[in-house]
Amino acid sequence: MSAINAYLSVVYEEARLRGYHFDESKLEAVGHIEAIPVTTGQIAFEWQHLLGKLATRSPHLYEQWRDVAQPEPHPLFAPCPGSIESWEKMVRIGNRAG
């Protein structure tokens, strides 16, 4: 639960900065949370998956973000070398994974 609250506290702050409504009363206090390791391959996979969705659902946002080769991860995650995680369910359709 602490990791979820740590994740959502950053989402809340970003929402606040963008003027979105986010009910912070559902968040609990965040203590010290160790960074969660995530492979650079998994980050790249997730980024390409998101870009694929944006291309269809929000072409304007896709155009805005498509040239970002390596996004900055959430501060809770610590990138480390590696490929896509073994637990990732991948279905290849053309060049996209879902």
Protein backbone atom coordinates (compact mmCIF):
# COMPACT_ATOMS: atom_id res chain seq x y z
CA MET A 1 0.00 0.00 0.00
CA SER A 2 2.89 2.36 0.74
CA ALA A 3 4.27 1.97 -2.77
CA ILE A 4 0.85 2.63 -4.29
CA ASN A 5 0.47 5.77 -2.18
CA ALA A 6 3.96 6.89 -3.17
CA TYR A 7 3.08 6.39 -6.84
CA LEU A 8 -0.25 8.18 -6.57
CA SER A 9 1.20 11.10 -4.62
CA VAL A 10 3.29 12.00 -7.67
CA VAL A 11 0.25 11.51 -9.93
CA TYR A 12 -1.69 13.82 -7.61
CA GLU A 13 0.99 16.51 -7.76
CA GLU A 14 1.10 16.36 -11.56
CA ALA A 15 -2.70 16.53 -11.73
CA ARG A 16 -2.70 19.55 -9.42
CA LEU A 17 -0.09 21.34 -11.55
CA ARG A 18 -2.19 20.70 -14.66
CA GLY A 19 -5.37 21.94 -13.02
CA TYR A 20 -7.08 18.52 -12.86
CA HIS A 21 -9.28 17.40 -10.00
CA PHE A 22 -7.80 14.53 -8.01
CA ASP A 23 -9.26 13.52 -4.66
CA GLU A 24 -6.22 13.55 -2.40
CA SER A 25 -8.30 12.45 0.60
CA LYS A 26 -7.93 8.88 -0.66
CA LEU A 27 -4.15 9.03 -0.30
CA GLU A 28 -2.44 8.01 2.89
CA ALA A 29 0.81 9.46 4.22
CA VAL A 30 3.88 8.33 2.32
CA GLY A 31 6.87 7.16 4.29
CA HIS A 32 10.24 6.14 2.94
CA ILE A 33 9.85 3.81 -0.04
CA GLU A 34 12.79 2.11 -1.71
CA ALA A 35 12.95 2.69 -5.45
CA ILE A 36 11.49 -0.16 -7.48
CA PRO A 37 13.89 -1.52 -10.12
CA VAL A 38 12.49 -1.59 -13.66
CA THR A 39 14.40 -2.69 -16.72
CA THR A 40 15.14 -0.25 -19.51
CA GLY A 41 13.64 -2.82 -21.89
CA GLN A 42 10.37 -2.76 -19.98
CA ILE A 43 10.31 1.04 -19.98
CA ALA A 44 10.89 1.06 -23.75
CA PHE A 45 8.16 -1.56 -24.25
CA GLU A 46 5.65 0.43 -22.18
CA TRP A 47 6.56 3.65 -24.00
CA GLN A 48 6.01 2.10 -27.43
CA HIS A 49 2.74 0.60 -26.24
CA LEU A 50 1.55 4.02 -25.05
CA LEU A 51 2.64 5.70 -28.29
CA GLY A 52 0.66 3.11 -30.25
CA LYS A 53 -2.45 3.92 -28.24
CA LEU A 54 -1.91 7.67 -28.61
CA ALA A 55 -1.51 7.37 -32.39
CA THR A 56 -5.06 6.00 -32.55
CA ARG A 57 -6.80 7.74 -29.66
CA SER A 58 -5.09 11.12 -29.53
CA PRO A 59 -3.07 11.96 -32.66
CA HIS A 60 -2.25 15.42 -31.29
CA LEU A 61 -0.58 13.95 -28.20
CA TYR A 62 1.11 11.32 -30.34
CA GLU A 63 2.68 14.05 -32.48
CA GLN A 64 3.78 15.87 -29.34
CA TRP A 65 5.50 12.84 -27.78
CA ARG A 66 6.54 10.55 -30.65
CA ASP A 67 10.09 11.90 -30.92
CA VAL A 68 10.87 11.25 -27.25
CA ALA A 69 13.17 8.24 -27.45
CA GLN A 70 13.46 7.59 -23.73
CA PRO A 71 10.82 8.98 -21.35
CA GLU A 72 11.67 9.95 -17.80
CA PRO A 73 10.15 7.30 -15.52
CA HIS A 74 8.11 7.99 -12.41
CA PRO A 75 10.52 8.83 -9.54
CA LEU A 76 9.48 5.66 -7.71
CA PHE A 77 11.13 3.54 -10.42
CA ALA A 78 14.88 2.96 -10.73
CA PRO A 79 15.85 2.05 -14.30
CA CYS A 80 18.35 -0.79 -14.62
CA PRO A 81 19.73 -2.58 -17.67
CA GLY A 82 17.61 -5.41 -18.97
CA SER A 83 15.02 -6.53 -21.48
CA ILE A 84 11.25 -6.82 -21.31
CA GLU A 85 10.15 -8.62 -18.16
CA SER A 86 9.37 -12.32 -18.44
CA TRP A 87 5.89 -11.78 -16.97
CA GLU A 88 4.90 -9.41 -19.79
CA LYS A 89 2.10 -10.80 -21.93
CA MET A 90 2.91 -9.90 -25.51
CA VAL A 91 0.73 -10.35 -28.54
CA ARG A 92 2.32 -9.22 -31.78
CA ILE A 93 0.04 -7.60 -34.33
CA GLY A 94 2.14 -6.15 -37.10
CA ASN A 95 4.73 -4.07 -35.26
CA ARG A 96 2.72 -3.44 -32.10
CA ALA A 97 2.54 -5.38 -28.89
CA GLY A 98 -0.53 -5.39 -26.67
